[in-house]
Amino acid sequence: MATILCLEDESSLARMYLRIFKELGEVALAQDGQEGFDKFTSNPNGYALILTDNDMPRRGGLEFLKAIRDYSINDCPIKDYSLPPRLMLSATSYPQTLLAAVRETGALGLYQKPFTDVQELKTIARELIEQGNSSTLELYLRKKGWSK
């Protein structure tokens, strides 16, 4: 069964993620980007999906995504390592700007909080775990007008 690394500093949202994603696998929680980075680097092959908030203490989500990208390129001891799919979950007021920055890190996209369709988010997570990409995410981004 897959393990999802989920970075979220809001305890109520973290508990919600445990409920939403439990049927997809184990959910490993981190309260901020530094804790997430430490968990990730201790077991880079241990995660099938990474979900991260952006606005967190110690290290934000965008910084976390850049750090794991750099780690995978420069420091990961696993030969020919490939990062798992990554998705930003954020309540940003500037979604298109954040989406562009997220994609620069190699992450696949942005899903905006507050969530209006939990089933859609679960479908996106399932597709990312099973296929490494998500047609549902691309449809969501086009529907929002953030992607072509």
N, C-alpha and C. Protein backbone atom coordinates (compact mmCIF):
# COMPACT_ATOMS: atom_id res chain seq x y z
N MET A 1 0.84 -1.18 0.00
CA MET A 1 0.00 0.00 0.00
C MET A 1 0.88 1.25 0.00
N ALA A 2 0.44 2.28 -0.67
CA ALA A 2 1.20 3.52 -0.84
C ALA A 2 1.26 4.32 0.46
N THR A 3 2.32 5.12 0.57
CA THR A 3 2.43 6.08 1.66
C THR A 3 2.44 7.48 1.06
N ILE A 4 1.60 8.34 1.61
CA ILE A 4 1.50 9.73 1.18
C ILE A 4 2.14 10.60 2.24
N LEU A 5 3.11 11.42 1.84
CA LEU A 5 3.70 12.40 2.74
C LEU A 5 2.90 13.68 2.60
N CYS A 6 2.31 14.12 3.69
CA CYS A 6 1.40 15.26 3.68
C CYS A 6 1.90 16.32 4.66
N LEU A 7 2.26 17.49 4.14
CA LEU A 7 2.75 18.59 4.96
C LEU A 7 1.62 19.58 5.20
N GLU A 8 1.24 19.75 6.46
CA GLU A 8 0.14 20.65 6.82
C GLU A 8 0.31 21.09 8.26
N ASP A 9 0.32 22.40 8.49
CA ASP A 9 0.49 22.92 9.85
C ASP A 9 -0.83 23.12 10.59
N GLU A 10 -1.94 23.13 9.88
CA GLU A 10 -3.26 23.26 10.52
C GLU A 10 -3.74 21.87 10.94
N SER A 11 -3.87 21.65 12.25
CA SER A 11 -4.20 20.31 12.75
C SER A 11 -5.55 19.81 12.24
N SER A 12 -6.53 20.69 12.07
CA SER A 12 -7.84 20.23 11.58
C SER A 12 -7.75 19.73 10.14
N LEU A 13 -6.95 20.40 9.32
CA LEU A 13 -6.76 19.93 7.94
C LEU A 13 -5.94 18.64 7.92
N ALA A 14 -4.94 18.54 8.77
CA ALA A 14 -4.15 17.32 8.83
C ALA A 14 -5.04 16.12 9.18
N ARG A 15 -5.93 16.30 10.15
CA ARG A 15 -6.87 15.22 10.51
C ARG A 15 -7.79 14.88 9.33
N MET A 16 -8.23 15.92 8.59
CA MET A 16 -9.08 15.69 7.44
C MET A 16 -8.33 14.88 6.38
N TYR A 17 -7.05 15.19 6.15
CA TYR A 17 -6.27 14.43 5.18
C TYR A 17 -6.15 12.97 5.58
N LEU A 18 -5.99 12.71 6.87
CA LEU A 18 -5.93 11.32 7.34
C LEU A 18 -7.21 10.59 6.95
N ARG A 19 -8.36 11.25 7.12
CA ARG A 19 -9.65 10.62 6.76
C ARG A 19 -9.80 10.46 5.25
N ILE A 20 -9.49 11.51 4.50
CA ILE A 20 -9.70 11.50 3.05
C ILE A 20 -8.85 10.42 2.37
N PHE A 21 -7.59 10.34 2.76
CA PHE A 21 -6.64 9.51 2.02
C PHE A 21 -6.40 8.13 2.61
N LYS A 22 -7.09 7.78 3.71
CA LYS A 22 -6.80 6.50 4.37
C LYS A 22 -7.01 5.30 3.47
N GLU A 23 -7.97 5.36 2.56
CA GLU A 23 -8.19 4.21 1.68
C GLU A 23 -7.15 4.12 0.56
N LEU A 24 -6.37 5.19 0.37
CA LEU A 24 -5.31 5.17 -0.64
C LEU A 24 -3.99 4.66 -0.09
N GLY A 25 -3.88 4.67 1.24
CA GLY A 25 -2.65 4.20 1.86
C GLY A 25 -2.40 4.89 3.18
N GLU A 26 -1.20 4.72 3.67
CA GLU A 26 -0.80 5.35 4.92
C GLU A 26 -0.52 6.83 4.65
N VAL A 27 -0.86 7.68 5.61
CA VAL A 27 -0.57 9.10 5.50
C VAL A 27 0.45 9.46 6.58
N ALA A 28 1.62 9.92 6.12
CA ALA A 28 2.67 10.40 7.03
C ALA A 28 2.55 11.91 7.08
N LEU A 29 2.29 12.45 8.27
CA LEU A 29 2.09 13.88 8.42
C LEU A 29 3.37 14.59 8.86
N ALA A 30 3.54 15.80 8.36
CA ALA A 30 4.61 16.69 8.81
C ALA A 30 3.97 18.06 9.04
N GLN A 31 4.37 18.74 10.10
CA GLN A 31 3.75 20.02 10.47
C GLN A 31 4.34 21.21 9.74
N ASP A 32 5.46 21.02 9.07
CA ASP A 32 6.06 22.12 8.32
C ASP A 32 7.05 21.55 7.31
N GLY A 33 7.60 22.44 6.49
CA GLY A 33 8.51 22.01 5.44
C GLY A 33 9.80 21.40 5.93
N GLN A 34 10.29 21.83 7.08
CA GLN A 34 11.52 21.25 7.60
C GLN A 34 11.29 19.81 8.07
N GLU A 35 10.20 19.59 8.80
CA GLU A 35 9.88 18.23 9.23
C GLU A 35 9.62 17.33 8.01
N GLY A 36 8.93 17.87 7.01
CA GLY A 36 8.70 17.10 5.79
C GLY A 36 9.99 16.75 5.07
N PHE A 37 10.91 17.71 5.01
CA PHE A 37 12.21 17.46 4.37
C PHE A 37 12.97 16.38 5.12
N ASP A 38 12.96 16.46 6.44
CA ASP A 38 13.66 15.45 7.24
C ASP A 38 13.06 14.06 7.02
N LYS A 39 11.73 13.97 7.00
CA LYS A 39 11.08 12.67 6.76
C LYS A 39 11.42 12.16 5.37
N PHE A 40 11.33 13.05 4.39
CA PHE A 40 11.60 12.65 3.01
C PHE A 40 13.03 12.15 2.84
N THR A 41 14.00 12.91 3.32
CA THR A 41 15.40 12.53 3.10
C THR A 41 15.81 11.29 3.88
N SER A 42 15.08 10.98 4.94
CA SER A 42 15.40 9.75 5.68
C SER A 42 14.91 8.51 4.94
N ASN A 43 13.98 8.68 3.98
CA ASN A 43 13.44 7.54 3.24
C ASN A 43 12.87 8.01 1.90
N PRO A 44 13.72 8.44 0.96
CA PRO A 44 13.22 9.00 -0.29
C PRO A 44 12.34 8.05 -1.11
N ASN A 45 12.57 6.77 -1.01
CA ASN A 45 11.75 5.80 -1.75
C ASN A 45 10.47 5.43 -1.01
N GLY A 46 10.24 6.03 0.15
CA GLY A 46 9.12 5.63 0.99
C GLY A 46 7.79 6.26 0.66
N TYR A 47 7.74 7.14 -0.33
CA TYR A 47 6.50 7.88 -0.57
C TYR A 47 6.06 7.77 -2.03
N ALA A 48 4.77 7.50 -2.20
CA ALA A 48 4.19 7.41 -3.53
C ALA A 48 3.63 8.74 -4.00
N LEU A 49 3.43 9.67 -3.06
CA LEU A 49 2.84 10.97 -3.36
C LEU A 49 3.22 11.95 -2.26
N ILE A 50 3.46 13.20 -2.64
CA ILE A 50 3.73 14.25 -1.67
C ILE A 50 2.73 15.38 -1.88
N LEU A 51 2.02 15.72 -0.81
CA LEU A 51 1.08 16.84 -0.80
C LEU A 51 1.59 17.87 0.20
N THR A 52 1.65 19.13 -0.20
CA THR A 52 2.17 20.13 0.73
C THR A 52 1.37 21.42 0.71
N ASP A 53 1.16 21.94 1.90
CA ASP A 53 0.65 23.29 2.07
C ASP A 53 1.77 24.23 1.65
N ASN A 54 1.48 25.50 1.47
CA ASN A 54 2.53 26.46 1.15
C ASN A 54 2.94 27.28 2.36
N ASP A 55 2.00 27.85 3.04
CA ASP A 55 2.30 28.77 4.14
C ASP A 55 2.42 28.00 5.45
N MET A 56 3.68 27.68 5.82
CA MET A 56 3.96 26.92 7.04
C MET A 56 5.17 27.51 7.74
N PRO A 57 5.31 27.25 9.03
CA PRO A 57 6.49 27.74 9.75
C PRO A 57 7.76 26.97 9.35
N ARG A 58 8.87 27.50 9.72
CA ARG A 58 10.22 26.95 9.52
C ARG A 58 10.63 26.84 8.05
N ARG A 59 9.83 26.21 7.23
CA ARG A 59 10.11 26.11 5.81
C ARG A 59 8.77 25.94 5.10
N GLY A 60 8.46 26.86 4.20
CA GLY A 60 7.18 26.80 3.48
C GLY A 60 7.18 25.71 2.42
N GLY A 61 6.01 25.50 1.84
CA GLY A 61 5.85 24.45 0.86
C GLY A 61 6.68 24.62 -0.39
N LEU A 62 6.74 25.85 -0.91
CA LEU A 62 7.53 26.09 -2.11
C LEU A 62 9.02 25.86 -1.82
N GLU A 63 9.48 26.31 -0.67
CA GLU A 63 10.87 26.06 -0.27
C GLU A 63 11.12 24.56 -0.12
N PHE A 64 10.15 23.84 0.46
CA PHE A 64 10.25 22.40 0.62
C PHE A 64 10.38 21.71 -0.74
N LEU A 65 9.52 22.10 -1.70
CA LEU A 65 9.56 21.49 -3.02
C LEU A 65 10.91 21.73 -3.70
N LYS A 66 11.44 22.94 -3.57
CA LYS A 66 12.76 23.23 -4.14
C LYS A 66 13.84 22.40 -3.45
N ALA A 67 13.74 22.28 -2.13
CA ALA A 67 14.75 21.54 -1.37
C ALA A 67 14.77 20.06 -1.74
N ILE A 68 13.61 19.44 -1.89
CA ILE A 68 13.62 18.01 -2.24
C ILE A 68 14.04 17.82 -3.70
N ARG A 69 13.71 18.77 -4.56
CA ARG A 69 14.19 18.69 -5.94
C ARG A 69 15.72 18.74 -5.95
N ASP A 70 16.28 19.71 -5.23
CA ASP A 70 17.74 19.84 -5.19
C ASP A 70 18.39 18.61 -4.55
N TYR A 71 17.78 18.10 -3.49
CA TYR A 71 18.29 16.89 -2.83
C TYR A 71 18.31 15.73 -3.83
N SER A 72 17.22 15.57 -4.58
CA SER A 72 17.14 14.44 -5.51
C SER A 72 18.20 14.52 -6.61
N ILE A 73 18.58 15.74 -6.98
CA ILE A 73 19.57 15.94 -8.04
C ILE A 73 20.99 15.83 -7.50
N ASN A 74 21.24 16.43 -6.34
CA ASN A 74 22.61 16.59 -5.85
C ASN A 74 23.04 15.64 -4.74
N ASP A 75 22.12 15.23 -3.87
CA ASP A 75 22.52 14.55 -2.65
C ASP A 75 21.92 13.16 -2.43
N CYS A 76 20.92 12.80 -3.18
CA CYS A 76 20.26 11.52 -2.94
C CYS A 76 21.21 10.37 -3.25
N PRO A 77 21.38 9.45 -2.30
CA PRO A 77 22.31 8.33 -2.52
C PRO A 77 21.76 7.25 -3.46
N ILE A 78 20.51 7.35 -3.86
CA ILE A 78 19.89 6.34 -4.72
C ILE A 78 20.18 6.68 -6.19
N LYS A 79 20.83 5.79 -6.89
CA LYS A 79 21.19 6.01 -8.28
C LYS A 79 19.94 6.16 -9.14
N ASP A 80 19.93 7.13 -10.04
CA ASP A 80 18.83 7.38 -10.96
C ASP A 80 17.50 7.59 -10.24
N TYR A 81 17.57 8.26 -9.10
CA TYR A 81 16.37 8.51 -8.30
C TYR A 81 15.40 9.43 -9.03
N SER A 82 14.12 9.14 -8.89
CA SER A 82 13.06 9.97 -9.46
C SER A 82 12.06 10.32 -8.36
N LEU A 83 11.80 11.60 -8.21
CA LEU A 83 10.86 12.06 -7.17
C LEU A 83 9.45 11.54 -7.43
N PRO A 84 8.69 11.29 -6.37
CA PRO A 84 7.28 10.93 -6.55
C PRO A 84 6.49 12.16 -7.00
N PRO A 85 5.27 11.98 -7.48
CA PRO A 85 4.44 13.12 -7.85
C PRO A 85 4.24 14.05 -6.65
N ARG A 86 4.20 15.35 -6.93
CA ARG A 86 4.04 16.36 -5.88
C ARG A 86 2.92 17.32 -6.27
N LEU A 87 2.14 17.73 -5.25
CA LEU A 87 1.01 18.63 -5.45
C LEU A 87 0.95 19.62 -4.31
N MET A 88 0.78 20.90 -4.65
CA MET A 88 0.63 21.96 -3.65
C MET A 88 -0.86 22.13 -3.33
N LEU A 89 -1.17 22.22 -2.05
CA LEU A 89 -2.53 22.49 -1.57
C LEU A 89 -2.45 23.83 -0.84
N SER A 90 -3.09 24.88 -1.39
CA SER A 90 -2.89 26.21 -0.83
C SER A 90 -4.12 27.09 -0.98
N ALA A 91 -4.24 28.03 -0.04
CA ALA A 91 -5.32 29.02 -0.07
C ALA A 91 -4.81 30.35 -0.62
N THR A 92 -3.89 30.30 -1.52
CA THR A 92 -3.26 31.50 -2.06
C THR A 92 -4.25 32.45 -2.74
N SER A 93 -3.94 33.73 -2.67
CA SER A 93 -4.71 34.75 -3.38
C SER A 93 -4.16 34.95 -4.79
N TYR A 94 -3.02 34.34 -5.07
CA TYR A 94 -2.36 34.47 -6.37
C TYR A 94 -2.09 33.10 -6.97
N PRO A 95 -3.15 32.37 -7.32
CA PRO A 95 -2.96 30.97 -7.75
C PRO A 95 -2.12 30.80 -9.00
N GLN A 96 -2.27 31.66 -9.99
CA GLN A 96 -1.50 31.47 -11.22
C GLN A 96 0.00 31.69 -10.98
N THR A 97 0.33 32.67 -10.16
CA THR A 97 1.73 32.93 -9.83
C THR A 97 2.31 31.75 -9.05
N LEU A 98 1.57 31.27 -8.05
CA LEU A 98 2.04 30.13 -7.26
C LEU A 98 2.14 28.88 -8.12
N LEU A 99 1.16 28.65 -8.98
CA LEU A 99 1.19 27.48 -9.86
C LEU A 99 2.45 27.48 -10.72
N ALA A 100 2.80 28.63 -11.28
CA ALA A 100 4.01 28.72 -12.10
C ALA A 100 5.25 28.38 -11.27
N ALA A 101 5.33 28.90 -10.06
CA ALA A 101 6.47 28.62 -9.18
C ALA A 101 6.51 27.15 -8.79
N VAL A 102 5.35 26.56 -8.50
CA VAL A 102 5.26 25.15 -8.14
C VAL A 102 5.75 24.28 -9.30
N ARG A 103 5.31 24.61 -10.49
CA ARG A 103 5.72 23.81 -11.66
C ARG A 103 7.22 23.95 -11.95
N GLU A 104 7.80 25.09 -11.60
CA GLU A 104 9.25 25.26 -11.78
C GLU A 104 10.03 24.27 -10.92
N THR A 105 9.44 23.80 -9.82
CA THR A 105 10.12 22.83 -8.95
C THR A 105 9.96 21.40 -9.47
N GLY A 106 9.15 21.23 -10.50
CA GLY A 106 8.87 19.89 -11.02
C GLY A 106 7.60 19.29 -10.47
N ALA A 107 6.94 20.00 -9.55
CA ALA A 107 5.66 19.51 -9.03
C ALA A 107 4.59 19.67 -10.11
N LEU A 108 3.51 18.93 -9.98
CA LEU A 108 2.52 18.85 -11.04
C LEU A 108 1.46 19.94 -11.02
N GLY A 109 1.20 20.52 -9.86
CA GLY A 109 0.15 21.52 -9.87
C GLY A 109 -0.23 22.02 -8.49
N LEU A 110 -1.37 22.68 -8.48
CA LEU A 110 -1.90 23.36 -7.31
C LEU A 110 -3.38 23.02 -7.19
N TYR A 111 -3.81 22.69 -5.98
CA TYR A 111 -5.22 22.51 -5.69
C TYR A 111 -5.56 23.50 -4.59
N GLN A 112 -6.56 24.34 -4.86
CA GLN A 112 -6.83 25.47 -3.97
C GLN A 112 -7.73 25.11 -2.81
N LYS A 113 -7.31 25.61 -1.62
CA LYS A 113 -8.13 25.54 -0.42
C LYS A 113 -8.98 26.80 -0.36
N PRO A 114 -10.11 26.80 0.28
CA PRO A 114 -10.75 25.63 0.89
C PRO A 114 -11.29 24.69 -0.20
N PHE A 115 -11.29 23.42 0.13
CA PHE A 115 -11.72 22.41 -0.83
C PHE A 115 -13.24 22.42 -0.97
N THR A 116 -13.69 22.46 -2.21
CA THR A 116 -15.13 22.41 -2.45
C THR A 116 -15.56 21.02 -2.90
N ASP A 117 -14.60 20.20 -3.32
CA ASP A 117 -14.92 18.86 -3.81
C ASP A 117 -13.86 17.87 -3.32
N VAL A 118 -14.09 17.31 -2.15
CA VAL A 118 -13.14 16.38 -1.54
C VAL A 118 -12.97 15.14 -2.42
N GLN A 119 -14.03 14.69 -3.06
CA GLN A 119 -13.94 13.51 -3.93
C GLN A 119 -13.00 13.78 -5.10
N GLU A 120 -13.05 14.98 -5.64
CA GLU A 120 -12.16 15.35 -6.74
C GLU A 120 -10.70 15.30 -6.28
N LEU A 121 -10.43 15.83 -5.09
CA LEU A 121 -9.07 15.79 -4.54
C LEU A 121 -8.61 14.36 -4.34
N LYS A 122 -9.49 13.51 -3.85
CA LYS A 122 -9.13 12.09 -3.65
C LYS A 122 -8.85 11.41 -4.99
N THR A 123 -9.64 11.74 -6.00
CA THR A 123 -9.41 11.17 -7.34
C THR A 123 -8.07 11.61 -7.89
N ILE A 124 -7.74 12.89 -7.71
CA ILE A 124 -6.44 13.39 -8.16
C ILE A 124 -5.32 12.63 -7.46
N ALA A 125 -5.42 12.47 -6.16
CA ALA A 125 -4.40 11.75 -5.40
C ALA A 125 -4.28 10.31 -5.90
N ARG A 126 -5.38 9.65 -6.11
CA ARG A 126 -5.37 8.26 -6.59
C ARG A 126 -4.67 8.17 -7.95
N GLU A 127 -5.04 9.08 -8.86
CA GLU A 127 -4.42 9.06 -10.19
C GLU A 127 -2.92 9.32 -10.11
N LEU A 128 -2.51 10.26 -9.25
CA LEU A 128 -1.09 10.56 -9.12
C LEU A 128 -0.32 9.36 -8.58
N ILE A 129 -0.90 8.65 -7.63
CA ILE A 129 -0.25 7.46 -7.07
C ILE A 129 -0.16 6.36 -8.12
N GLU A 130 -1.26 6.11 -8.82
CA GLU A 130 -1.32 4.99 -9.75
C GLU A 130 -0.64 5.26 -11.09
N GLN A 131 -0.69 6.53 -11.56
CA GLN A 131 -0.22 6.82 -12.91
C GLN A 131 0.93 7.81 -12.97
N GLY A 132 1.17 8.54 -11.89
CA GLY A 132 2.21 9.56 -11.90
C GLY A 132 1.77 10.88 -12.48
N ASN A 133 0.54 10.92 -13.00
CA ASN A 133 -0.05 12.16 -13.50
C ASN A 133 -1.55 12.08 -13.26
N SER A 134 -2.28 13.16 -13.56
CA SER A 134 -3.71 13.17 -13.27
C SER A 134 -4.47 13.98 -14.30
N SER A 135 -5.31 13.32 -15.07
CA SER A 135 -6.18 14.04 -16.01
C SER A 135 -7.21 14.87 -15.25
N THR A 136 -7.60 14.41 -14.07
CA THR A 136 -8.55 15.17 -13.25
C THR A 136 -7.93 16.47 -12.78
N LEU A 137 -6.65 16.45 -12.42
CA LEU A 137 -5.95 17.67 -12.03
C LEU A 137 -5.86 18.63 -13.21
N GLU A 138 -5.52 18.14 -14.37
CA GLU A 138 -5.43 19.01 -15.55
C GLU A 138 -6.78 19.64 -15.87
N LEU A 139 -7.85 18.85 -15.76
CA LEU A 139 -9.19 19.38 -15.99
C LEU A 139 -9.52 20.45 -14.95
N TYR A 140 -9.19 20.21 -13.69
CA TYR A 140 -9.41 21.18 -12.61
C TYR A 140 -8.69 22.49 -12.92
N LEU A 141 -7.41 22.39 -13.32
CA LEU A 141 -6.61 23.59 -13.61
C LEU A 141 -7.18 24.36 -14.80
N ARG A 142 -7.64 23.65 -15.83
CA ARG A 142 -8.26 24.32 -16.98
C ARG A 142 -9.58 24.97 -16.58
N LYS A 143 -10.37 24.26 -15.77
CA LYS A 143 -11.65 24.79 -15.30
C LYS A 143 -11.46 26.10 -14.52
N LYS A 144 -10.38 26.17 -13.75
CA LYS A 144 -10.06 27.37 -12.99
C LYS A 144 -9.49 28.48 -13.86
N GLY A 145 -9.09 28.13 -15.09
CA GLY A 145 -8.48 29.10 -15.98
C GLY A 145 -7.00 29.31 -15.73
N TRP A 146 -6.35 28.36 -15.05
CA TRP A 146 -4.94 28.49 -14.70
C TRP A 146 -4.02 27.75 -15.66
N SER A 147 -4.58 26.94 -16.52
CA SER A 147 -3.77 26.12 -17.41
C SER A 147 -4.46 26.04 -18.75
N LYS A 148 -3.67 25.81 -19.78
CA LYS A 148 -4.23 25.72 -21.15
C LYS A 148 -4.84 24.37 -21.39
